[in-house]
Structure formats: structure tokens, C-alpha cells
N, C-alpha and C. Protein backbone atom coordinates (compact mmCIF):
# COMPACT_ATOMS: atom_id res chain seq x y z
N MET A 1 0.85 -1.18 0.00
CA MET A 1 0.00 0.00 0.00
C MET A 1 0.89 1.24 0.00
N LEU A 2 0.59 2.18 -0.88
CA LEU A 2 1.39 3.39 -0.99
C LEU A 2 1.23 4.28 0.24
N SER A 3 2.34 4.86 0.69
CA SER A 3 2.28 5.83 1.79
C SER A 3 1.68 7.13 1.26
N THR A 4 1.26 7.98 2.18
CA THR A 4 0.71 9.28 1.79
C THR A 4 1.71 10.05 0.94
N THR A 5 2.94 10.14 1.41
CA THR A 5 3.97 10.90 0.71
C THR A 5 4.19 10.38 -0.70
N LEU A 6 4.28 9.06 -0.83
CA LEU A 6 4.53 8.46 -2.15
C LEU A 6 3.36 8.66 -3.09
N LEU A 7 2.13 8.44 -2.62
CA LEU A 7 0.96 8.61 -3.48
C LEU A 7 0.82 10.07 -3.91
N VAL A 8 0.93 11.00 -2.98
CA VAL A 8 0.80 12.42 -3.32
C VAL A 8 1.91 12.82 -4.29
N SER A 9 3.10 12.34 -4.09
CA SER A 9 4.21 12.63 -4.99
C SER A 9 3.92 12.13 -6.40
N GLN A 10 3.39 10.91 -6.50
CA GLN A 10 3.03 10.36 -7.81
C GLN A 10 1.93 11.18 -8.47
N LEU A 11 0.94 11.56 -7.70
CA LEU A 11 -0.16 12.35 -8.25
C LEU A 11 0.32 13.73 -8.71
N GLN A 12 1.21 14.35 -7.94
CA GLN A 12 1.75 15.66 -8.33
C GLN A 12 2.53 15.55 -9.63
N THR A 13 3.27 14.45 -9.79
CA THR A 13 4.04 14.23 -11.02
C THR A 13 3.10 13.99 -12.19
N ASN A 14 2.08 13.17 -11.98
CA ASN A 14 1.15 12.82 -13.06
C ASN A 14 0.16 13.93 -13.40
N TYR A 15 -0.13 14.79 -12.45
CA TYR A 15 -1.12 15.86 -12.65
C TYR A 15 -0.54 17.20 -12.19
N PRO A 16 0.45 17.71 -12.92
CA PRO A 16 1.12 18.94 -12.50
C PRO A 16 0.23 20.19 -12.58
N GLN A 17 -0.91 20.07 -13.21
CA GLN A 17 -1.83 21.22 -13.30
C GLN A 17 -2.52 21.51 -11.97
N PHE A 18 -2.39 20.58 -11.01
CA PHE A 18 -3.03 20.74 -9.71
C PHE A 18 -2.00 20.85 -8.59
N LEU A 19 -2.38 21.57 -7.54
CA LEU A 19 -1.60 21.59 -6.30
C LEU A 19 -2.24 20.60 -5.33
N PHE A 20 -1.43 19.91 -4.59
CA PHE A 20 -1.91 18.99 -3.56
C PHE A 20 -1.39 19.52 -2.23
N LYS A 21 -2.33 19.84 -1.32
CA LYS A 21 -1.94 20.41 -0.03
C LYS A 21 -2.63 19.66 1.10
N LYS A 22 -1.86 19.40 2.13
CA LYS A 22 -2.42 18.77 3.31
C LYS A 22 -3.32 19.79 4.01
N GLY A 23 -4.48 19.34 4.43
CA GLY A 23 -5.43 20.22 5.10
C GLY A 23 -6.19 19.48 6.17
N ASP A 24 -7.28 20.08 6.63
CA ASP A 24 -8.09 19.48 7.68
C ASP A 24 -9.13 18.50 7.14
N CYS A 25 -9.46 18.65 5.84
CA CYS A 25 -10.46 17.78 5.24
C CYS A 25 -10.20 17.68 3.74
N PHE A 26 -10.90 16.77 3.10
CA PHE A 26 -10.77 16.59 1.66
C PHE A 26 -11.64 17.62 0.95
N SER A 27 -11.05 18.29 -0.03
CA SER A 27 -11.85 19.23 -0.83
C SER A 27 -11.11 19.58 -2.11
N TRP A 28 -11.90 19.95 -3.10
CA TRP A 28 -11.40 20.43 -4.38
C TRP A 28 -11.75 21.90 -4.45
N MET A 29 -10.73 22.74 -4.63
CA MET A 29 -10.93 24.19 -4.72
C MET A 29 -10.61 24.61 -6.16
N PRO A 30 -11.63 24.72 -7.00
CA PRO A 30 -11.39 24.98 -8.42
C PRO A 30 -10.67 26.29 -8.71
N ALA A 31 -10.97 27.34 -7.97
CA ALA A 31 -10.33 28.64 -8.24
C ALA A 31 -8.83 28.57 -8.02
N GLU A 32 -8.40 27.74 -7.06
CA GLU A 32 -6.99 27.59 -6.75
C GLU A 32 -6.34 26.42 -7.48
N LYS A 33 -7.18 25.59 -8.13
CA LYS A 33 -6.70 24.34 -8.75
C LYS A 33 -5.96 23.50 -7.70
N THR A 34 -6.55 23.45 -6.50
CA THR A 34 -5.89 22.79 -5.37
C THR A 34 -6.78 21.69 -4.80
N ILE A 35 -6.13 20.58 -4.50
CA ILE A 35 -6.79 19.45 -3.85
C ILE A 35 -6.24 19.38 -2.43
N TYR A 36 -7.14 19.55 -1.46
CA TYR A 36 -6.75 19.43 -0.06
C TYR A 36 -7.06 18.02 0.41
N TYR A 37 -6.18 17.49 1.24
CA TYR A 37 -6.33 16.12 1.71
C TYR A 37 -5.82 16.00 3.13
N THR A 38 -6.22 14.92 3.77
CA THR A 38 -5.71 14.54 5.08
C THR A 38 -5.51 13.03 5.05
N ASP A 39 -4.58 12.55 5.82
CA ASP A 39 -4.39 11.10 5.89
C ASP A 39 -4.95 10.54 7.19
N LYS A 40 -5.82 11.31 7.82
CA LYS A 40 -6.39 10.89 9.10
C LYS A 40 -7.63 10.00 8.94
N ASP A 41 -8.11 9.85 7.73
CA ASP A 41 -9.27 9.00 7.45
C ASP A 41 -8.77 7.68 6.90
N GLU A 42 -9.35 6.57 7.34
CA GLU A 42 -8.89 5.27 6.86
C GLU A 42 -9.06 5.12 5.35
N ASN A 43 -9.96 5.86 4.76
CA ASN A 43 -10.19 5.81 3.31
C ASN A 43 -9.50 6.95 2.57
N TRP A 44 -8.43 7.50 3.13
CA TRP A 44 -7.81 8.70 2.58
C TRP A 44 -7.38 8.52 1.12
N ARG A 45 -6.92 7.34 0.73
CA ARG A 45 -6.44 7.15 -0.65
C ARG A 45 -7.58 7.34 -1.66
N ILE A 46 -8.71 6.72 -1.36
CA ILE A 46 -9.81 6.82 -2.32
C ILE A 46 -10.46 8.20 -2.27
N LEU A 47 -10.48 8.82 -1.10
CA LEU A 47 -11.02 10.17 -1.01
C LEU A 47 -10.12 11.18 -1.75
N LEU A 48 -8.82 10.95 -1.70
CA LEU A 48 -7.89 11.79 -2.45
C LEU A 48 -8.13 11.64 -3.96
N LEU A 49 -8.30 10.40 -4.41
CA LEU A 49 -8.58 10.17 -5.84
C LEU A 49 -9.93 10.79 -6.24
N HIS A 50 -10.89 10.75 -5.32
CA HIS A 50 -12.20 11.35 -5.59
C HIS A 50 -12.07 12.86 -5.81
N GLU A 51 -11.29 13.53 -4.96
CA GLU A 51 -11.10 14.98 -5.13
C GLU A 51 -10.32 15.28 -6.41
N LEU A 52 -9.34 14.46 -6.72
CA LEU A 52 -8.61 14.61 -7.99
C LEU A 52 -9.58 14.47 -9.16
N ALA A 53 -10.51 13.54 -9.05
CA ALA A 53 -11.49 13.34 -10.11
C ALA A 53 -12.32 14.60 -10.33
N HIS A 54 -12.70 15.28 -9.26
CA HIS A 54 -13.43 16.56 -9.41
C HIS A 54 -12.59 17.53 -10.25
N GLY A 55 -11.31 17.59 -9.97
CA GLY A 55 -10.44 18.49 -10.73
C GLY A 55 -10.34 18.08 -12.19
N LEU A 56 -10.13 16.81 -12.43
CA LEU A 56 -10.00 16.32 -13.82
C LEU A 56 -11.29 16.52 -14.61
N LEU A 57 -12.41 16.45 -13.92
CA LEU A 57 -13.71 16.65 -14.58
C LEU A 57 -14.10 18.13 -14.64
N ASP A 58 -13.22 18.99 -14.12
CA ASP A 58 -13.44 20.43 -14.12
C ASP A 58 -14.74 20.83 -13.42
N HIS A 59 -15.01 20.20 -12.29
CA HIS A 59 -16.19 20.54 -11.50
C HIS A 59 -15.94 21.86 -10.79
N THR A 60 -16.80 22.81 -11.06
CA THR A 60 -16.64 24.13 -10.44
C THR A 60 -17.84 24.51 -9.59
N ASP A 61 -18.99 24.63 -10.18
CA ASP A 61 -20.16 25.10 -9.45
C ASP A 61 -21.41 24.45 -10.01
N TYR A 62 -22.52 24.67 -9.36
CA TYR A 62 -23.80 24.11 -9.79
C TYR A 62 -24.90 25.10 -9.45
N ASN A 63 -26.00 25.05 -10.19
CA ASN A 63 -27.13 25.94 -9.93
C ASN A 63 -28.28 25.23 -9.23
N HIS A 64 -28.41 23.94 -9.49
CA HIS A 64 -29.47 23.15 -8.87
C HIS A 64 -28.83 22.04 -8.05
N ASP A 65 -29.41 21.79 -6.89
CA ASP A 65 -28.82 20.84 -5.95
C ASP A 65 -28.62 19.45 -6.55
N ILE A 66 -29.53 19.03 -7.41
CA ILE A 66 -29.41 17.71 -8.02
C ILE A 66 -28.13 17.63 -8.87
N GLU A 67 -27.67 18.77 -9.39
CA GLU A 67 -26.42 18.79 -10.16
C GLU A 67 -25.23 18.40 -9.29
N LEU A 68 -25.25 18.81 -8.02
CA LEU A 68 -24.16 18.45 -7.12
C LEU A 68 -24.13 16.93 -6.91
N VAL A 69 -25.29 16.33 -6.73
CA VAL A 69 -25.35 14.88 -6.56
C VAL A 69 -24.81 14.19 -7.81
N ALA A 70 -25.17 14.69 -8.98
CA ALA A 70 -24.66 14.11 -10.24
C ALA A 70 -23.15 14.28 -10.36
N MET A 71 -22.63 15.45 -9.96
CA MET A 71 -21.18 15.67 -10.01
C MET A 71 -20.45 14.70 -9.08
N GLU A 72 -21.02 14.45 -7.92
CA GLU A 72 -20.42 13.52 -6.98
C GLU A 72 -20.37 12.11 -7.57
N ARG A 73 -21.45 11.71 -8.21
CA ARG A 73 -21.50 10.38 -8.85
C ARG A 73 -20.42 10.27 -9.93
N LYS A 74 -20.32 11.30 -10.77
CA LYS A 74 -19.32 11.29 -11.84
C LYS A 74 -17.91 11.27 -11.28
N ALA A 75 -17.69 12.00 -10.19
CA ALA A 75 -16.36 12.01 -9.57
C ALA A 75 -16.01 10.62 -9.02
N TRP A 76 -16.99 9.91 -8.48
CA TRP A 76 -16.71 8.55 -8.00
C TRP A 76 -16.43 7.61 -9.16
N ASP A 77 -17.14 7.77 -10.27
CA ASP A 77 -16.85 6.95 -11.45
C ASP A 77 -15.42 7.17 -11.94
N LYS A 78 -15.02 8.43 -12.00
CA LYS A 78 -13.66 8.78 -12.44
C LYS A 78 -12.62 8.28 -11.43
N ALA A 79 -12.91 8.42 -10.15
CA ALA A 79 -11.98 7.95 -9.12
C ALA A 79 -11.78 6.44 -9.23
N SER A 80 -12.83 5.72 -9.58
CA SER A 80 -12.72 4.27 -9.75
C SER A 80 -11.79 3.93 -10.92
N GLU A 81 -11.85 4.72 -11.98
CA GLU A 81 -10.92 4.54 -13.11
C GLU A 81 -9.48 4.83 -12.66
N LEU A 82 -9.29 5.93 -11.96
CA LEU A 82 -7.96 6.32 -11.49
C LEU A 82 -7.37 5.28 -10.55
N ALA A 83 -8.20 4.70 -9.71
CA ALA A 83 -7.74 3.74 -8.71
C ALA A 83 -7.02 2.56 -9.36
N GLN A 84 -7.47 2.17 -10.51
CA GLN A 84 -6.83 1.05 -11.22
C GLN A 84 -5.38 1.37 -11.55
N ASN A 85 -5.09 2.62 -11.90
CA ASN A 85 -3.72 3.03 -12.23
C ASN A 85 -2.78 2.99 -11.04
N TYR A 86 -3.33 3.11 -9.83
CA TYR A 86 -2.51 3.15 -8.62
C TYR A 86 -2.70 1.90 -7.76
N LYS A 87 -3.36 0.90 -8.35
CA LYS A 87 -3.59 -0.38 -7.64
C LYS A 87 -4.27 -0.16 -6.28
N ILE A 88 -5.28 0.71 -6.30
CA ILE A 88 -6.07 0.99 -5.11
C ILE A 88 -7.47 0.44 -5.34
N LYS A 89 -7.99 -0.29 -4.37
CA LYS A 89 -9.33 -0.85 -4.48
C LYS A 89 -10.32 0.10 -3.82
N ILE A 90 -11.37 0.41 -4.55
CA ILE A 90 -12.43 1.24 -3.98
C ILE A 90 -13.64 0.36 -3.70
N ASP A 91 -13.99 0.29 -2.44
CA ASP A 91 -15.13 -0.50 -2.01
C ASP A 91 -16.41 0.26 -2.36
N ASN A 92 -17.32 -0.39 -3.08
CA ASN A 92 -18.57 0.25 -3.48
C ASN A 92 -19.39 0.71 -2.27
N ASN A 93 -19.25 0.04 -1.14
CA ASN A 93 -19.96 0.47 0.07
C ASN A 93 -19.51 1.86 0.52
N VAL A 94 -18.23 2.16 0.36
CA VAL A 94 -17.72 3.48 0.71
C VAL A 94 -18.31 4.52 -0.23
N ILE A 95 -18.34 4.20 -1.52
CA ILE A 95 -18.93 5.12 -2.51
C ILE A 95 -20.39 5.39 -2.16
N GLN A 96 -21.15 4.34 -1.94
CA GLN A 96 -22.58 4.51 -1.66
C GLN A 96 -22.81 5.25 -0.35
N SER A 97 -21.97 5.00 0.63
CA SER A 97 -22.10 5.69 1.91
C SER A 97 -21.87 7.20 1.75
N THR A 98 -20.85 7.56 0.98
CA THR A 98 -20.60 9.00 0.78
C THR A 98 -21.69 9.62 -0.09
N LEU A 99 -22.16 8.89 -1.10
CA LEU A 99 -23.26 9.41 -1.92
C LEU A 99 -24.53 9.56 -1.10
N ASP A 100 -24.73 8.66 -0.13
CA ASP A 100 -25.91 8.77 0.74
C ASP A 100 -25.92 10.09 1.50
N THR A 101 -24.75 10.60 1.88
CA THR A 101 -24.73 11.87 2.60
C THR A 101 -25.28 12.99 1.70
N TYR A 102 -24.98 12.93 0.41
CA TYR A 102 -25.50 13.93 -0.52
C TYR A 102 -26.98 13.71 -0.80
N ARG A 103 -27.38 12.46 -0.91
CA ARG A 103 -28.81 12.17 -1.12
C ARG A 103 -29.63 12.65 0.08
N ASP A 104 -29.11 12.39 1.28
CA ASP A 104 -29.80 12.84 2.50
C ASP A 104 -29.87 14.37 2.54
N TRP A 105 -28.76 15.02 2.17
CA TRP A 105 -28.68 16.48 2.12
C TRP A 105 -29.75 17.02 1.17
N LEU A 106 -29.87 16.42 -0.01
CA LEU A 106 -30.85 16.86 -1.00
C LEU A 106 -32.27 16.63 -0.48
N HIS A 107 -32.50 15.49 0.13
CA HIS A 107 -33.83 15.19 0.67
C HIS A 107 -34.23 16.21 1.73
N GLU A 108 -33.31 16.53 2.64
CA GLU A 108 -33.60 17.51 3.68
C GLU A 108 -33.95 18.87 3.10
N ARG A 109 -33.17 19.30 2.12
CA ARG A 109 -33.38 20.61 1.51
C ARG A 109 -34.73 20.69 0.79
N SER A 110 -35.13 19.57 0.18
CA SER A 110 -36.34 19.58 -0.63
C SER A 110 -37.60 19.23 0.16
N THR A 111 -37.46 18.96 1.46
CA THR A 111 -38.63 18.64 2.29
C THR A 111 -39.29 19.94 2.74
N CYS A 112 -40.56 20.06 2.44
CA CYS A 112 -41.31 21.27 2.79
C CYS A 112 -41.37 21.44 4.31
N PRO A 113 -40.95 22.61 4.81
CA PRO A 113 -41.01 22.86 6.25
C PRO A 113 -42.44 23.07 6.74
N ASN A 114 -43.39 23.21 5.81
CA ASN A 114 -44.78 23.45 6.18
C ASN A 114 -45.57 22.14 6.31
N CYS A 115 -45.40 21.22 5.34
CA CYS A 115 -46.21 20.00 5.35
C CYS A 115 -45.39 18.71 5.21
N ASN A 116 -44.08 18.82 5.07
CA ASN A 116 -43.16 17.69 4.94
C ASN A 116 -43.27 16.91 3.64
N ALA A 117 -43.98 17.44 2.67
CA ALA A 117 -43.99 16.81 1.34
C ALA A 117 -42.69 17.19 0.63
N THR A 118 -42.44 16.57 -0.50
CA THR A 118 -41.23 16.89 -1.26
C THR A 118 -41.50 18.06 -2.18
N GLY A 119 -40.60 19.04 -2.13
CA GLY A 119 -40.71 20.19 -3.01
C GLY A 119 -39.78 20.08 -4.19
N VAL A 120 -39.86 21.05 -5.07
CA VAL A 120 -38.98 21.11 -6.24
C VAL A 120 -38.17 22.40 -6.17
N GLN A 121 -36.96 22.32 -6.66
CA GLN A 121 -36.12 23.51 -6.67
C GLN A 121 -36.52 24.37 -7.85
N THR A 122 -36.80 25.65 -7.59
CA THR A 122 -37.24 26.57 -8.64
C THR A 122 -36.10 27.44 -9.15
N GLU A 123 -35.12 27.69 -8.30
CA GLU A 123 -33.90 28.40 -8.67
C GLU A 123 -32.89 28.13 -7.56
N GLN A 124 -31.68 28.62 -7.75
CA GLN A 124 -30.65 28.32 -6.75
C GLN A 124 -31.11 28.78 -5.37
N TYR A 125 -31.06 27.87 -4.40
CA TYR A 125 -31.42 28.11 -3.01
C TYR A 125 -32.92 28.31 -2.77
N ARG A 126 -33.77 28.05 -3.76
CA ARG A 126 -35.21 28.24 -3.57
C ARG A 126 -35.97 26.98 -3.96
N TYR A 127 -36.97 26.67 -3.13
CA TYR A 127 -37.82 25.50 -3.36
C TYR A 127 -39.29 25.88 -3.25
N LYS A 128 -40.14 25.04 -3.86
CA LYS A 128 -41.59 25.21 -3.75
C LYS A 128 -42.21 23.83 -3.56
N CYS A 129 -43.15 23.75 -2.64
CA CYS A 129 -43.82 22.49 -2.34
C CYS A 129 -44.86 22.19 -3.42
N ILE A 130 -44.86 20.95 -3.88
CA ILE A 130 -45.85 20.56 -4.89
C ILE A 130 -47.18 20.19 -4.24
N ALA A 131 -47.21 20.03 -2.91
CA ALA A 131 -48.45 19.67 -2.22
C ALA A 131 -49.20 20.89 -1.69
N CYS A 132 -48.49 21.82 -1.06
CA CYS A 132 -49.17 22.95 -0.41
C CYS A 132 -48.78 24.32 -0.97
N SER A 133 -47.89 24.33 -1.97
CA SER A 133 -47.43 25.57 -2.64
C SER A 133 -46.58 26.47 -1.76
N HIS A 134 -46.19 26.00 -0.59
CA HIS A 134 -45.30 26.76 0.29
C HIS A 134 -43.95 26.95 -0.42
N GLU A 135 -43.34 28.11 -0.24
CA GLU A 135 -42.02 28.37 -0.83
C GLU A 135 -41.01 28.66 0.27
N TRP A 136 -39.78 28.21 0.06
CA TRP A 136 -38.73 28.46 1.03
C TRP A 136 -37.39 28.57 0.34
N ARG A 137 -36.47 29.21 1.03
CA ARG A 137 -35.10 29.26 0.54
C ARG A 137 -34.22 28.54 1.55
N VAL A 138 -33.10 28.06 1.07
CA VAL A 138 -32.18 27.31 1.92
C VAL A 138 -30.81 27.96 1.86
N ASN A 139 -30.00 27.71 2.88
CA ASN A 139 -28.61 28.16 2.84
C ASN A 139 -27.79 27.12 2.08
N GLU A 140 -26.52 27.39 1.87
CA GLU A 140 -25.69 26.44 1.12
C GLU A 140 -25.63 25.10 1.84
N ALA A 141 -25.31 25.12 3.12
CA ALA A 141 -25.40 23.97 4.01
C ALA A 141 -24.69 22.70 3.56
N ARG A 142 -23.56 22.84 2.87
CA ARG A 142 -22.80 21.63 2.56
C ARG A 142 -21.90 21.26 3.73
N VAL A 143 -21.45 22.26 4.47
CA VAL A 143 -20.58 21.99 5.61
C VAL A 143 -21.10 22.60 6.90
N CYS A 144 -22.32 23.11 6.88
CA CYS A 144 -22.92 23.67 8.08
C CYS A 144 -24.36 23.19 8.18
N ALA A 145 -25.05 23.55 9.24
CA ALA A 145 -26.42 23.11 9.44
C ALA A 145 -27.36 23.71 8.40
N LEU A 146 -28.30 22.89 7.94
CA LEU A 146 -29.31 23.34 6.99
C LEU A 146 -30.25 24.32 7.65
N ARG A 147 -30.56 25.37 6.96
CA ARG A 147 -31.56 26.35 7.39
C ARG A 147 -32.55 26.52 6.24
N ARG A 148 -33.85 26.56 6.60
CA ARG A 148 -34.89 26.83 5.61
C ARG A 148 -35.66 28.05 6.08
N TYR A 149 -35.90 28.98 5.17
CA TYR A 149 -36.55 30.24 5.50
C TYR A 149 -37.80 30.41 4.66
N LYS A 150 -38.91 30.69 5.32
CA LYS A 150 -40.18 30.92 4.63
C LYS A 150 -40.06 32.18 3.79
N LEU A 151 -40.58 32.13 2.58
CA LEU A 151 -40.57 33.31 1.72
C LEU A 151 -41.92 33.99 1.80
N ASN A 152 -41.91 35.31 1.89
CA ASN A 152 -43.16 36.07 1.92
C ASN A 152 -43.75 36.14 0.53
N LYS A 153 -45.05 36.04 0.45
CA LYS A 153 -45.73 36.13 -0.85
C LYS A 153 -46.36 37.48 -1.01
């Protein structure tokens, strides 16, 4: 199994268009072309490849929440391809577990705070309930607590 130093060194050599920096968590920062990683997670190798995949796929931003879920799926598909080059096995349970966090995030955001039915996103950060017509906006909430705010009509 490759050490952190060796794997990061190989990735930097193979993908010189990106910076790899040790940080507190895994993330892809498109404006900086930087992949942040930590080796404190038992799955650090596959999470690092996942963030690299975001960079290779040029994932920058999204307007609708479902687009983020799709980008995550595509990044996992690409990470699985990359893993073969580095003889790293990606357990599908890990992929599904991380995707579940995004699915749960989307479900929470789209749940009407008025009647608990599922709403639809009408524009970035805005939803409307298909059952009671209630409208709400949400915060970004990818790394903080979800907030939903009633919109005045």
C-alpha cells in the first residue's frame, strides 16, 4: 500500500496542473486548482482520488442541488478509473455511503417545512412544495447546518 507521501508525490508528477496540499479535510478548490487532503481518514487514498477526479472533470459550481449529486457520482466513477492506475481498491460500500450523505442532504433541503412533502427547486437556493405551494429558501449547508426560511408572498 502506498504511503501518503509516495501517493501524493506520484499524483503531483502525473497531474502537474493541480496543487496537492495537506489540510483538515478533503476538498477540491477549483479557483486555486488545489486538492486538499488529510491522511487521518482510513479511506484517505480513495477520497484523495475522488477529489482529484473533481479536478480532472473540471467541476466548479452548480445551480441546482441535483447537479451536485450528479457531479459527486461522476467524480466517484472517475476515481474508480484512477484507482486502477494506482492499484487501489475502492469499495462500493464506501462510494454509496458518501453518496448517501449527498442524497440525504438533498432530501432535507427539498422537504417542505410546512407539510413535509417533497418540493422542487425553482432556482438556486429556492424551493416550492408541490403539495401545499409553500415556498422556502435554503442556505448552502454543505458543511454547516441546513436552514430553511419561509418566503413572503
